[in-house]
Amino acid sequence: MALKQTRSDLYLTQRERIAGNVRYYRHRLGLTQKDMADFVGLAINTVYMLEHPERMYNAPLSTLCALAHALDVPVVALFEDRTVSESPNGKLGQRFLRESKMRSEL
C-alpha cells in the first residue's frame, strides 16, 4: 500500500525539481551562481536559495520566468522530473557572460 503524500511533501518535491533543473541548466551553460544572478538581475542569495530546496524559498513566477529566459529553456523545463548525473559546461555560457558584461557597461 502506497503512502499518501502530504501537501508539504509535494511542495518539497517540486522545490527539489526546480533546484535541480536550475542547477543543471546553469552548469550546462558554464555559469556560476554569481554569473547567473548578475545576468538575470537577482541577488546571488536568491539563486543560492533556489538551488537549495531545504531553504524553503518560494520563488515568484516572475523570477522563474526570468531564469528560464536566461537559461534559454521554457519555464516548464524547470518543473520537469529529471535525474541529473552530470553538469556539462557549454559554450553558450560565454554568450551570457558577454551580454551581461555589455549590460553592466551601459
N, C-alpha and C. Protein backbone atom coordinates (compact mmCIF):
# COMPACT_ATOMS: atom_id res chain seq x y z
N MET A 1 0.83 -1.17 0.00
CA MET A 1 0.00 0.00 0.00
C MET A 1 0.88 1.24 0.00
N ALA A 2 0.66 2.16 -0.94
CA ALA A 2 1.45 3.38 -1.05
C ALA A 2 0.96 4.40 -0.03
N LEU A 3 1.93 5.12 0.54
CA LEU A 3 1.58 6.18 1.48
C LEU A 3 1.19 7.43 0.70
N LYS A 4 0.19 8.11 1.19
CA LYS A 4 -0.27 9.34 0.54
C LYS A 4 0.68 10.48 0.91
N GLN A 5 1.10 11.24 -0.11
CA GLN A 5 1.98 12.37 0.16
C GLN A 5 1.17 13.53 0.72
N THR A 6 1.76 14.22 1.68
CA THR A 6 1.12 15.41 2.21
C THR A 6 1.41 16.59 1.29
N ARG A 7 0.70 17.66 1.47
CA ARG A 7 0.92 18.86 0.68
C ARG A 7 2.36 19.37 0.87
N SER A 8 2.88 19.31 2.09
CA SER A 8 4.25 19.74 2.37
C SER A 8 5.25 18.90 1.59
N ASP A 9 5.00 17.59 1.51
CA ASP A 9 5.89 16.71 0.75
C ASP A 9 5.88 17.06 -0.73
N LEU A 10 4.70 17.37 -1.25
CA LEU A 10 4.59 17.72 -2.66
C LEU A 10 5.32 19.02 -2.96
N TYR A 11 5.21 20.01 -2.07
CA TYR A 11 5.91 21.27 -2.27
C TYR A 11 7.42 21.07 -2.24
N LEU A 12 7.90 20.24 -1.31
CA LEU A 12 9.33 19.98 -1.23
C LEU A 12 9.82 19.27 -2.48
N THR A 13 9.04 18.30 -2.96
CA THR A 13 9.40 17.59 -4.18
C THR A 13 9.51 18.56 -5.35
N GLN A 14 8.55 19.49 -5.45
CA GLN A 14 8.59 20.47 -6.53
C GLN A 14 9.78 21.40 -6.39
N ARG A 15 10.08 21.83 -5.17
CA ARG A 15 11.26 22.67 -4.93
C ARG A 15 12.53 21.93 -5.34
N GLU A 16 12.60 20.64 -5.02
CA GLU A 16 13.78 19.85 -5.38
C GLU A 16 13.93 19.76 -6.90
N ARG A 17 12.83 19.60 -7.61
CA ARG A 17 12.88 19.56 -9.07
C ARG A 17 13.39 20.89 -9.63
N ILE A 18 12.81 21.98 -9.16
CA ILE A 18 13.22 23.30 -9.64
C ILE A 18 14.69 23.53 -9.33
N ALA A 19 15.11 23.21 -8.10
CA ALA A 19 16.50 23.41 -7.70
C ALA A 19 17.45 22.62 -8.61
N GLY A 20 17.13 21.36 -8.82
CA GLY A 20 17.99 20.53 -9.66
C GLY A 20 18.03 21.00 -11.10
N ASN A 21 16.90 21.45 -11.62
CA ASN A 21 16.86 21.91 -13.00
C ASN A 21 17.58 23.24 -13.19
N VAL A 22 17.40 24.17 -12.27
CA VAL A 22 18.12 25.45 -12.37
C VAL A 22 19.62 25.18 -12.34
N ARG A 23 20.05 24.34 -11.41
CA ARG A 23 21.47 24.00 -11.30
C ARG A 23 21.96 23.30 -12.57
N TYR A 24 21.18 22.35 -13.07
CA TYR A 24 21.57 21.60 -14.27
C TYR A 24 21.76 22.55 -15.47
N TYR A 25 20.75 23.38 -15.75
CA TYR A 25 20.84 24.26 -16.91
C TYR A 25 21.91 25.33 -16.73
N ARG A 26 22.10 25.81 -15.49
CA ARG A 26 23.16 26.79 -15.23
C ARG A 26 24.52 26.17 -15.49
N HIS A 27 24.75 24.96 -15.01
CA HIS A 27 26.02 24.26 -15.25
C HIS A 27 26.21 23.95 -16.72
N ARG A 28 25.12 23.60 -17.39
CA ARG A 28 25.20 23.29 -18.81
C ARG A 28 25.74 24.49 -19.60
N LEU A 29 25.41 25.67 -19.12
CA LEU A 29 25.89 26.89 -19.78
C LEU A 29 27.25 27.35 -19.25
N GLY A 30 27.74 26.66 -18.23
CA GLY A 30 29.05 27.01 -17.67
C GLY A 30 29.02 28.27 -16.82
N LEU A 31 27.88 28.56 -16.21
CA LEU A 31 27.73 29.77 -15.41
C LEU A 31 27.85 29.46 -13.92
N THR A 32 28.44 30.40 -13.18
CA THR A 32 28.44 30.31 -11.73
C THR A 32 27.13 30.90 -11.22
N GLN A 33 26.87 30.72 -9.94
CA GLN A 33 25.67 31.33 -9.36
C GLN A 33 25.74 32.84 -9.48
N LYS A 34 26.93 33.41 -9.29
CA LYS A 34 27.10 34.86 -9.41
C LYS A 34 26.85 35.32 -10.83
N ASP A 35 27.39 34.60 -11.81
CA ASP A 35 27.15 34.94 -13.22
C ASP A 35 25.65 34.95 -13.51
N MET A 36 24.97 33.91 -13.05
CA MET A 36 23.54 33.78 -13.30
C MET A 36 22.78 34.92 -12.64
N ALA A 37 23.10 35.20 -11.39
CA ALA A 37 22.42 36.28 -10.66
C ALA A 37 22.64 37.62 -11.35
N ASP A 38 23.87 37.90 -11.74
CA ASP A 38 24.18 39.16 -12.42
C ASP A 38 23.44 39.27 -13.74
N PHE A 39 23.39 38.18 -14.50
CA PHE A 39 22.75 38.21 -15.81
C PHE A 39 21.25 38.45 -15.71
N VAL A 40 20.62 37.82 -14.72
CA VAL A 40 19.16 37.92 -14.57
C VAL A 40 18.77 39.17 -13.76
N GLY A 41 19.71 39.72 -13.01
CA GLY A 41 19.40 40.87 -12.18
C GLY A 41 18.85 40.49 -10.82
N LEU A 42 19.31 39.35 -10.31
CA LEU A 42 18.89 38.86 -8.99
C LEU A 42 20.05 38.95 -8.02
N ALA A 43 19.74 38.87 -6.76
CA ALA A 43 20.78 38.75 -5.75
C ALA A 43 21.33 37.32 -5.81
N ILE A 44 22.62 37.17 -5.58
CA ILE A 44 23.23 35.83 -5.61
C ILE A 44 22.55 34.93 -4.59
N ASN A 45 22.11 35.50 -3.48
CA ASN A 45 21.43 34.73 -2.44
C ASN A 45 20.13 34.10 -2.97
N THR A 46 19.45 34.79 -3.88
CA THR A 46 18.22 34.25 -4.47
C THR A 46 18.52 33.00 -5.28
N VAL A 47 19.57 33.05 -6.10
CA VAL A 47 19.95 31.87 -6.89
C VAL A 47 20.36 30.74 -5.95
N TYR A 48 21.11 31.06 -4.90
CA TYR A 48 21.52 30.05 -3.93
C TYR A 48 20.30 29.39 -3.30
N MET A 49 19.34 30.20 -2.86
CA MET A 49 18.16 29.64 -2.20
C MET A 49 17.33 28.79 -3.16
N LEU A 50 17.25 29.21 -4.43
CA LEU A 50 16.53 28.42 -5.42
C LEU A 50 17.16 27.05 -5.61
N GLU A 51 18.48 26.99 -5.55
CA GLU A 51 19.19 25.74 -5.78
C GLU A 51 19.31 24.87 -4.53
N HIS A 52 18.81 25.35 -3.43
CA HIS A 52 18.83 24.60 -2.16
C HIS A 52 17.42 24.55 -1.60
N PRO A 53 16.66 23.52 -1.99
CA PRO A 53 15.24 23.46 -1.62
C PRO A 53 14.98 23.42 -0.11
N GLU A 54 15.97 22.99 0.66
CA GLU A 54 15.78 22.94 2.11
C GLU A 54 15.64 24.35 2.71
N ARG A 55 15.99 25.38 1.93
CA ARG A 55 15.85 26.78 2.38
C ARG A 55 14.40 27.25 2.35
N MET A 56 13.53 26.44 1.72
CA MET A 56 12.09 26.70 1.69
C MET A 56 11.73 28.05 1.07
N TYR A 57 12.48 28.44 0.05
CA TYR A 57 12.22 29.70 -0.66
C TYR A 57 11.18 29.46 -1.74
N ASN A 58 10.12 30.24 -1.71
CA ASN A 58 9.08 30.15 -2.73
C ASN A 58 9.32 31.26 -3.75
N ALA A 59 9.91 30.90 -4.87
CA ALA A 59 10.24 31.89 -5.90
C ALA A 59 8.98 32.38 -6.60
N PRO A 60 8.89 33.68 -6.82
CA PRO A 60 7.77 34.19 -7.61
C PRO A 60 7.86 33.68 -9.05
N LEU A 61 6.73 33.57 -9.69
CA LEU A 61 6.71 33.11 -11.07
C LEU A 61 7.56 34.02 -11.96
N SER A 62 7.56 35.30 -11.68
CA SER A 62 8.36 36.24 -12.49
C SER A 62 9.85 35.90 -12.41
N THR A 63 10.31 35.46 -11.26
CA THR A 63 11.72 35.05 -11.10
C THR A 63 11.99 33.79 -11.91
N LEU A 64 11.09 32.82 -11.84
CA LEU A 64 11.27 31.59 -12.61
C LEU A 64 11.24 31.87 -14.11
N CYS A 65 10.38 32.78 -14.54
CA CYS A 65 10.32 33.15 -15.96
C CYS A 65 11.63 33.81 -16.40
N ALA A 66 12.15 34.71 -15.58
CA ALA A 66 13.41 35.38 -15.91
C ALA A 66 14.56 34.38 -15.99
N LEU A 67 14.60 33.44 -15.05
CA LEU A 67 15.64 32.41 -15.07
C LEU A 67 15.52 31.53 -16.31
N ALA A 68 14.31 31.10 -16.61
CA ALA A 68 14.10 30.24 -17.77
C ALA A 68 14.52 30.96 -19.05
N HIS A 69 14.18 32.23 -19.15
CA HIS A 69 14.57 33.01 -20.33
C HIS A 69 16.09 33.10 -20.43
N ALA A 70 16.74 33.39 -19.33
CA ALA A 70 18.21 33.48 -19.33
C ALA A 70 18.87 32.14 -19.62
N LEU A 71 18.24 31.06 -19.18
CA LEU A 71 18.79 29.73 -19.41
C LEU A 71 18.40 29.18 -20.78
N ASP A 72 17.58 29.93 -21.50
CA ASP A 72 17.14 29.57 -22.85
C ASP A 72 16.36 28.26 -22.86
N VAL A 73 15.47 28.13 -21.88
CA VAL A 73 14.58 26.95 -21.79
C VAL A 73 13.17 27.45 -21.50
N PRO A 74 12.15 26.68 -21.86
CA PRO A 74 10.79 27.06 -21.47
C PRO A 74 10.62 26.93 -19.95
N VAL A 75 9.74 27.72 -19.39
CA VAL A 75 9.53 27.69 -17.93
C VAL A 75 9.20 26.29 -17.46
N VAL A 76 8.44 25.56 -18.23
CA VAL A 76 8.04 24.21 -17.83
C VAL A 76 9.26 23.30 -17.63
N ALA A 77 10.36 23.59 -18.30
CA ALA A 77 11.57 22.76 -18.14
C ALA A 77 12.10 22.82 -16.71
N LEU A 78 11.82 23.90 -16.00
CA LEU A 78 12.28 24.00 -14.61
C LEU A 78 11.48 23.09 -13.68
N PHE A 79 10.31 22.65 -14.13
CA PHE A 79 9.45 21.80 -13.31
C PHE A 79 9.55 20.32 -13.67
N GLU A 80 10.31 20.00 -14.70
CA GLU A 80 10.41 18.61 -15.15
C GLU A 80 11.12 17.74 -14.13
N ASP A 81 10.73 16.48 -14.12
CA ASP A 81 11.39 15.50 -13.26
C ASP A 81 12.56 14.90 -14.03
N ARG A 82 13.75 15.15 -13.58
CA ARG A 82 14.93 14.63 -14.27
C ARG A 82 15.96 14.18 -13.23
N THR A 83 16.78 13.25 -13.64
CA THR A 83 17.90 12.84 -12.82
C THR A 83 19.13 13.49 -13.40
N VAL A 84 19.77 14.30 -12.62
CA VAL A 84 20.96 15.00 -13.09
C VAL A 84 22.18 14.17 -12.70
N SER A 85 22.84 13.62 -13.70
CA SER A 85 24.01 12.78 -13.43
C SER A 85 25.31 13.51 -13.73
N GLU A 86 25.21 14.60 -14.49
CA GLU A 86 26.42 15.35 -14.81
C GLU A 86 26.03 16.80 -15.05
N SER A 87 27.00 17.65 -15.02
CA SER A 87 26.78 19.07 -15.26
C SER A 87 27.74 19.54 -16.34
N PRO A 88 27.41 19.28 -17.59
CA PRO A 88 28.31 19.66 -18.66
C PRO A 88 28.39 21.17 -18.82
N ASN A 89 29.58 21.66 -19.10
CA ASN A 89 29.76 23.08 -19.37
C ASN A 89 29.62 23.32 -20.85
N GLY A 90 28.89 24.35 -21.21
CA GLY A 90 28.66 24.64 -22.62
C GLY A 90 29.23 25.98 -23.03
N LYS A 91 29.38 26.15 -24.33
CA LYS A 91 29.89 27.40 -24.87
C LYS A 91 28.87 28.51 -24.79
N LEU A 92 27.59 28.15 -24.66
CA LEU A 92 26.56 29.18 -24.57
C LEU A 92 26.78 30.09 -23.36
N GLY A 93 27.40 29.56 -22.32
CA GLY A 93 27.67 30.36 -21.14
C GLY A 93 28.50 31.58 -21.44
N GLN A 94 29.40 31.46 -22.40
CA GLN A 94 30.25 32.59 -22.78
C GLN A 94 29.40 33.71 -23.36
N ARG A 95 28.36 33.36 -24.13
CA ARG A 95 27.47 34.37 -24.69
C ARG A 95 26.78 35.15 -23.58
N PHE A 96 26.31 34.43 -22.55
CA PHE A 96 25.63 35.09 -21.45
C PHE A 96 26.59 36.00 -20.68
N LEU A 97 27.83 35.57 -20.51
CA LEU A 97 28.80 36.40 -19.81
C LEU A 97 29.08 37.68 -20.60
N ARG A 98 29.23 37.55 -21.93
CA ARG A 98 29.48 38.73 -22.77
C ARG A 98 28.29 39.69 -22.70
N GLU A 99 27.07 39.15 -22.81
CA GLU A 99 25.88 40.01 -22.77
C GLU A 99 25.74 40.68 -21.41
N SER A 100 26.05 39.95 -20.36
CA SER A 100 25.97 40.51 -19.02
C SER A 100 26.97 41.64 -18.86
N LYS A 101 28.17 41.45 -19.37
CA LYS A 101 29.20 42.48 -19.28
C LYS A 101 28.78 43.71 -20.08
N MET A 102 28.21 43.49 -21.26
CA MET A 102 27.76 44.60 -22.09
C MET A 102 26.66 45.39 -21.37
N ARG A 103 25.75 44.69 -20.70
CA ARG A 103 24.68 45.37 -19.96
C ARG A 103 25.23 46.21 -18.84
N SER A 104 26.24 45.69 -18.12
CA SER A 104 26.78 46.42 -16.99
C SER A 104 27.56 47.65 -17.43
N GLU A 105 28.04 47.65 -18.68
CA GLU A 105 28.80 48.78 -19.20
C GLU A 105 27.90 49.91 -19.69
N LEU A 106 26.59 49.61 -19.84
CA LEU A 106 25.65 50.63 -20.32
C LEU A 106 25.33 51.66 -19.27
